[in-house]
Amino acid sequence: MEVKKAIITTAGYSTRFLPVCKSIPKPMLPIQEVPIIHELVKECIDGGITDIILVTSFGNDALEDYFDSRPDLETHLVNTGKEERYKRFGEVFGKASVISVRQNRALPYGSGSAILAAEPWISAGEPFAVIYGDDLVLSNESAIGQLKKIYESKQGNLGGVIAVQKVAEEDISKYGSVKFKNEIEGLIESLLEKPTAQEAPSLLGSYGRYIVSYDIFKYLHTGGLINNELYFSKAIDDMAKEKDVYAKEINGEWLTTGDPLSYTKAVIKYAMRRDEFREEIKKIVNS
């Protein structure tokens, strides 16, 4: 079944970025001249997904405003010969339907609650993508598009396809670790959330790129709680015990923006792809 919709989770408090994120949603922090959310929506569009649901929270109006038209600004840039400065907005503007929904704070804390907030906008039986607002993937081919191709090629008792990347042994405790039922096919048996290095069944850590069937809502409603936190990964783990869930190492580099140092690394990595920035950045880094 074709995947047409994506949920992008952006409702966190971003406490590691205080005080700046007291008034600026973290997905609006810049990756050069566009914000993180721009790169995420562009990834969806490049991957063939153009119906996008942003799950937001109080104070995140800037995310909604970003995808609105600004005729006054466009006219000003044309009149002053600066159209080039608005060029990159054309990568996303008018190319996708972007709506926003507020996450209900009455729901339990955790990544699963953001998905539940978007449930009314997903049709029964419809598969969809999930993208975490903290995670970027630097790749030549859309990361979510890679998962979409795999999901749409599968038949049978399909539950989903999740993105994984090999991480250092000392870092696996930060992520979900996959245990394979059939490693050649990528079919997983379980997804263990934040295991110790000794508990981890593999060093393949899951991150914020998923394609799931509508059935995921059943597992979110009936389980998924760990220490009163609703984990999306726990719902996937429950689903993998009853349905076929596959893990895919994406062709690309996963870059988290979850803390200031990781965000800075991501900004530099993106800048190094650009001919006009590369040599100057090398000079700065080596100075």
Protein backbone atom coordinates (compact mmCIF):
# COMPACT_ATOMS: atom_id res chain seq x y z
CA MET A 1 0.00 0.00 0.00
CA GLU A 2 1.33 3.43 -0.92
CA VAL A 3 2.64 5.65 1.88
CA LYS A 4 1.29 9.19 1.44
CA LYS A 5 1.46 10.81 4.89
CA ALA A 6 4.18 11.65 7.40
CA ILE A 7 4.02 12.71 11.03
CA ILE A 8 6.89 14.95 12.18
CA THR A 9 7.18 15.22 15.97
CA THR A 10 8.12 18.71 17.17
CA ALA A 11 6.39 19.03 20.55
CA GLY A 12 9.32 18.58 22.94
CA TYR A 13 10.50 21.15 25.49
CA SER A 14 14.09 21.16 24.14
CA THR A 15 15.46 21.72 27.63
CA ARG A 16 19.05 21.14 26.51
CA PHE A 17 18.71 24.25 24.35
CA LEU A 18 17.47 26.63 27.01
CA PRO A 19 17.34 29.56 27.13
CA VAL A 20 17.23 29.96 23.33
CA CYS A 21 14.37 27.47 22.92
CA LYS A 22 12.24 29.24 25.50
CA SER A 23 10.94 31.35 22.61
CA ILE A 24 12.22 29.57 19.48
CA PRO A 25 11.10 26.01 18.65
CA LYS A 26 14.19 23.85 18.21
CA PRO A 27 13.15 22.67 14.72
CA MET A 28 13.44 26.34 13.72
CA LEU A 29 17.15 26.46 14.55
CA PRO A 30 19.13 27.03 11.35
CA ILE A 31 21.06 24.65 9.14
CA GLN A 32 22.66 27.50 7.25
CA GLU A 33 19.83 29.58 5.75
CA VAL A 34 16.98 27.11 6.34
CA PRO A 35 15.70 25.67 9.63
CA ILE A 36 15.81 22.02 10.65
CA ILE A 37 12.09 21.64 9.87
CA HIS A 38 12.74 22.72 6.28
CA GLU A 39 15.22 19.88 5.80
CA LEU A 40 12.76 17.37 7.28
CA VAL A 41 9.87 18.45 5.07
CA LYS A 42 12.16 18.50 2.04
CA GLU A 43 13.19 14.91 2.83
CA CYS A 44 9.52 13.92 2.79
CA ILE A 45 8.88 15.67 -0.52
CA ASP A 46 12.00 14.16 -2.10
CA GLY A 47 10.82 10.75 -0.89
CA GLY A 48 7.38 11.11 -2.47
CA ILE A 49 5.41 12.04 0.66
CA THR A 50 3.51 15.33 0.42
CA ASP A 51 0.85 15.14 3.17
CA ILE A 52 2.67 16.20 6.33
CA ILE A 53 1.37 16.51 9.90
CA LEU A 54 3.46 18.55 12.35
CA VAL A 55 2.76 17.63 15.97
CA THR A 56 3.46 20.81 17.91
CA SER A 57 2.98 22.29 21.37
CA PHE A 58 2.30 25.68 22.94
CA GLY A 59 4.75 28.32 21.71
CA ASN A 60 5.55 26.59 18.42
CA ASP A 61 3.61 28.97 16.18
CA ALA A 62 6.79 29.79 14.24
CA LEU A 63 6.73 26.27 12.77
CA GLU A 64 3.26 26.85 11.36
CA ASP A 65 4.14 30.34 10.13
CA TYR A 66 7.19 29.08 8.27
CA PHE A 67 5.06 27.28 5.70
CA ASP A 68 2.73 30.25 5.14
CA SER A 69 3.08 32.52 2.12
CA ARG A 70 4.70 35.95 2.64
CA PRO A 71 3.66 38.03 -0.39
CA ASP A 72 4.99 41.22 1.21
CA LEU A 73 8.45 39.71 1.70
CA GLU A 74 8.47 38.18 -1.78
CA THR A 75 7.51 41.54 -3.33
CA HIS A 76 10.21 43.32 -1.33
CA LEU A 77 12.89 40.87 -2.49
CA VAL A 78 11.81 41.22 -6.12
CA ASN A 79 11.77 45.02 -5.89
CA THR A 80 15.24 45.12 -4.36
CA GLY A 81 16.80 42.53 -6.66
CA LYS A 82 17.30 39.97 -3.87
CA GLU A 83 15.09 37.11 -5.13
CA GLU A 84 18.03 34.71 -4.72
CA ARG A 85 17.73 35.01 -0.95
CA TYR A 86 14.29 33.40 -1.06
CA LYS A 87 15.21 30.70 -3.55
CA ARG A 88 15.57 27.79 -1.13
CA PHE A 89 12.08 28.32 0.25
CA GLY A 90 10.88 27.01 -3.11
CA GLU A 91 12.21 23.57 -2.13
CA VAL A 92 9.19 23.13 0.15
CA PHE A 93 6.67 25.93 -0.37
CA GLY A 94 3.68 24.84 -2.42
CA LYS A 95 5.04 21.31 -2.81
CA ALA A 96 3.39 19.71 0.21
CA SER A 97 0.27 20.02 2.32
CA VAL A 98 1.53 20.87 5.81
CA ILE A 99 -0.85 20.97 8.76
CA SER A 100 -0.18 21.17 12.47
CA VAL A 101 -1.89 19.58 15.45
CA ARG A 102 -1.29 20.25 19.12
CA GLN A 103 -0.12 17.43 21.34
CA ASN A 104 -2.52 16.90 24.22
CA ARG A 105 -0.58 17.35 27.44
CA ALA A 106 -3.09 15.05 29.16
CA LEU A 107 -1.42 12.18 27.30
CA PRO A 108 1.55 10.48 28.97
CA TYR A 109 4.97 11.97 28.42
CA GLY A 110 6.91 10.31 25.59
CA SER A 111 7.43 9.86 21.88
CA GLY A 112 4.33 7.67 21.49
CA SER A 113 1.98 10.44 22.58
CA ALA A 114 2.97 12.61 19.63
CA ILE A 115 1.87 9.83 17.29
CA LEU A 116 -1.44 9.43 19.13
CA ALA A 117 -2.06 13.17 18.76
CA ALA A 118 -2.08 12.75 14.97
CA GLU A 119 -4.31 9.66 14.94
CA PRO A 120 -7.50 11.52 13.88
CA TRP A 121 -5.72 12.67 10.71
CA ILE A 122 -4.74 9.14 9.64
CA SER A 123 -7.37 7.07 7.85
CA ALA A 124 -8.14 3.57 9.11
CA GLY A 125 -5.84 1.05 7.45
CA GLU A 126 -3.48 3.75 6.15
CA PRO A 127 0.31 3.35 6.60
CA PHE A 128 2.34 6.44 7.39
CA ALA A 129 5.84 7.71 8.06
CA VAL A 130 7.14 8.99 11.38
CA ILE A 131 10.05 11.43 11.57
CA TYR A 132 11.54 12.76 14.79
CA GLY A 133 12.25 16.48 14.74
CA ASP A 134 15.65 15.92 16.37
CA ASP A 135 17.05 13.67 13.64
CA LEU A 136 18.54 14.65 10.29
CA VAL A 137 19.90 12.22 7.70
CA LEU A 138 22.61 13.47 5.37
CA SER A 139 22.14 11.46 2.18
CA ASN A 140 21.92 11.70 -1.58
CA GLU A 141 18.58 9.88 -1.53
CA SER A 142 15.75 10.76 0.84
CA ALA A 143 16.04 8.58 3.94
CA ILE A 144 12.30 8.31 4.46
CA GLY A 145 11.99 7.64 0.73
CA GLN A 146 14.31 4.64 1.12
CA LEU A 147 12.07 3.19 3.83
CA LYS A 148 8.98 3.95 1.75
CA LYS A 149 10.31 1.88 -1.16
CA ILE A 150 10.92 -1.10 1.11
CA TYR A 151 7.54 -0.87 2.83
CA GLU A 152 5.66 -0.64 -0.47
CA SER A 153 7.53 -3.67 -1.82
CA LYS A 154 6.49 -5.93 1.08
CA GLN A 155 3.42 -8.15 1.30
CA GLY A 156 1.69 -10.15 3.99
CA ASN A 157 1.44 -9.43 7.70
CA LEU A 158 3.36 -6.17 7.46
CA GLY A 159 3.87 -3.98 10.52
CA GLY A 160 6.58 -1.59 9.43
CA VAL A 161 10.13 -0.70 8.42
CA ILE A 162 12.48 1.17 10.75
CA ALA A 163 15.79 2.90 10.13
CA VAL A 164 18.88 1.74 12.01
CA GLN A 165 22.54 2.69 12.10
CA LYS A 166 25.48 1.02 13.80
CA VAL A 167 26.56 2.94 16.88
CA ALA A 168 29.46 2.67 19.30
CA GLU A 169 29.06 0.17 22.12
CA GLU A 170 29.17 2.95 24.71
CA ASP A 171 26.32 4.77 22.92
CA ILE A 172 23.80 1.94 22.40
CA SER A 173 22.22 2.67 25.80
CA LYS A 174 20.88 5.94 24.33
CA TYR A 175 18.85 4.22 21.62
CA GLY A 176 16.73 1.20 20.75
CA SER A 177 18.70 -1.94 19.84
CA VAL A 178 17.28 -4.40 17.31
CA LYS A 179 17.27 -8.16 17.69
CA PHE A 180 16.83 -10.04 14.42
CA LYS A 181 14.53 -12.91 13.70
CA ASN A 182 16.05 -13.17 10.20
CA GLU A 183 19.05 -10.87 9.76
CA ILE A 184 19.44 -11.57 6.02
CA GLU A 185 15.92 -10.36 5.36
CA GLY A 186 16.18 -7.63 8.01
CA LEU A 187 13.19 -9.05 9.88
CA ILE A 188 13.35 -8.16 13.56
CA GLU A 189 12.17 -10.03 16.63
CA SER A 190 12.35 -7.15 19.08
CA LEU A 191 13.42 -3.56 19.65
CA LEU A 192 14.94 -3.13 23.09
CA GLU A 193 14.79 0.48 24.29
CA LYS A 194 17.95 1.93 25.88
CA PRO A 195 19.66 -1.33 26.86
CA THR A 196 23.01 -1.50 28.58
CA ALA A 197 25.91 -2.56 26.37
CA GLN A 198 25.68 -6.02 27.97
CA GLU A 199 21.92 -6.31 27.33
CA ALA A 200 21.97 -5.00 23.76
CA PRO A 201 21.22 -7.72 21.19
CA SER A 202 23.08 -5.70 18.54
CA LEU A 203 24.82 -2.37 18.02
CA LEU A 204 22.24 -1.38 15.41
CA GLY A 205 20.44 1.54 17.00
CA SER A 206 17.07 2.75 15.81
CA TYR A 207 16.47 6.45 15.22
CA GLY A 208 13.74 8.80 14.08
CA ARG A 209 12.74 7.33 10.71
CA TYR A 210 9.88 4.85 10.55
CA ILE A 211 7.17 3.61 8.20
CA VAL A 212 4.40 1.84 10.12
CA SER A 213 1.01 0.34 9.43
CA TYR A 214 -2.14 1.77 10.98
CA ASP A 215 -2.01 -1.14 13.45
CA ILE A 216 0.62 0.75 15.47
CA PHE A 217 -2.20 2.69 17.15
CA LYS A 218 -3.48 -0.52 18.73
CA TYR A 219 -0.12 -1.06 20.41
CA LEU A 220 0.12 2.56 21.50
CA HIS A 221 -3.34 2.40 23.08
CA THR A 222 -2.80 -0.92 24.84
CA GLY A 223 0.86 -0.75 25.87
CA GLY A 224 4.06 1.12 25.16
CA LEU A 225 4.53 2.41 28.72
CA ILE A 226 7.94 2.21 30.37
CA ASN A 227 8.11 3.91 33.79
CA ASN A 228 4.93 5.84 32.88
CA GLU A 229 6.53 7.15 29.66
CA LEU A 230 4.86 6.19 26.37
CA TYR A 231 7.65 5.00 24.08
CA PHE A 232 6.97 4.65 20.37
CA SER A 233 9.78 2.09 20.27
CA LYS A 234 7.98 -0.08 22.86
CA ALA A 235 4.86 -0.11 20.66
CA ILE A 236 7.04 -1.20 17.71
CA ASP A 237 8.59 -3.91 19.88
CA ASP A 238 5.09 -5.18 20.78
CA MET A 239 4.04 -5.07 17.13
CA ALA A 240 7.15 -7.01 16.02
CA LYS A 241 5.98 -9.96 18.12
CA GLU A 242 2.81 -10.25 16.03
CA LYS A 243 3.62 -8.65 12.68
CA ASP A 244 6.54 -8.38 10.27
CA VAL A 245 8.76 -5.43 11.14
CA TYR A 246 11.96 -4.85 9.17
CA ALA A 247 15.12 -2.89 10.00
CA LYS A 248 17.00 -1.06 7.27
CA GLU A 249 20.44 0.55 7.39
CA ILE A 250 19.87 3.77 5.48
CA ASN A 251 22.28 4.91 2.79
CA GLY A 252 23.22 8.12 4.50
CA GLU A 253 24.52 9.52 7.79
CA TRP A 254 22.22 9.96 10.74
CA LEU A 255 22.89 13.24 12.54
CA THR A 256 21.07 14.04 15.77
CA THR A 257 20.46 17.65 16.80
CA GLY A 258 19.33 16.67 20.28
CA ASP A 259 22.04 18.59 22.15
CA PRO A 260 24.15 21.68 21.35
CA LEU A 261 27.33 19.78 20.42
CA SER A 262 25.53 17.31 18.15
CA TYR A 263 23.62 20.18 16.56
CA THR A 264 26.87 22.03 15.88
CA LYS A 265 28.35 18.91 14.27
CA ALA A 266 25.26 18.60 12.05
CA VAL A 267 25.52 22.24 10.95
CA ILE A 268 29.18 21.73 10.01
CA LYS A 269 28.45 18.46 8.16
CA TYR A 270 25.75 20.14 6.07
CA ALA A 271 27.98 23.14 5.38
CA MET A 272 30.83 20.90 4.23
CA ARG A 273 28.66 19.66 1.38
CA ARG A 274 28.61 23.15 -0.12
CA ASP A 275 31.41 24.25 -2.41
CA GLU A 276 31.19 27.88 -1.30
CA PHE A 277 31.66 26.98 2.39
CA ARG A 278 33.94 23.95 2.41
CA GLU A 279 37.40 25.48 2.23
CA GLU A 280 36.64 28.27 4.70
CA ILE A 281 35.25 25.80 7.22
CA LYS A 282 38.39 23.67 6.91
CA LYS A 283 40.45 26.76 7.73
CA ILE A 284 38.31 27.52 10.79
CA VAL A 285 38.38 23.94 12.08
CA ASN A 286 42.14 23.67 11.60
CA SER A 287 42.99 27.08 13.07
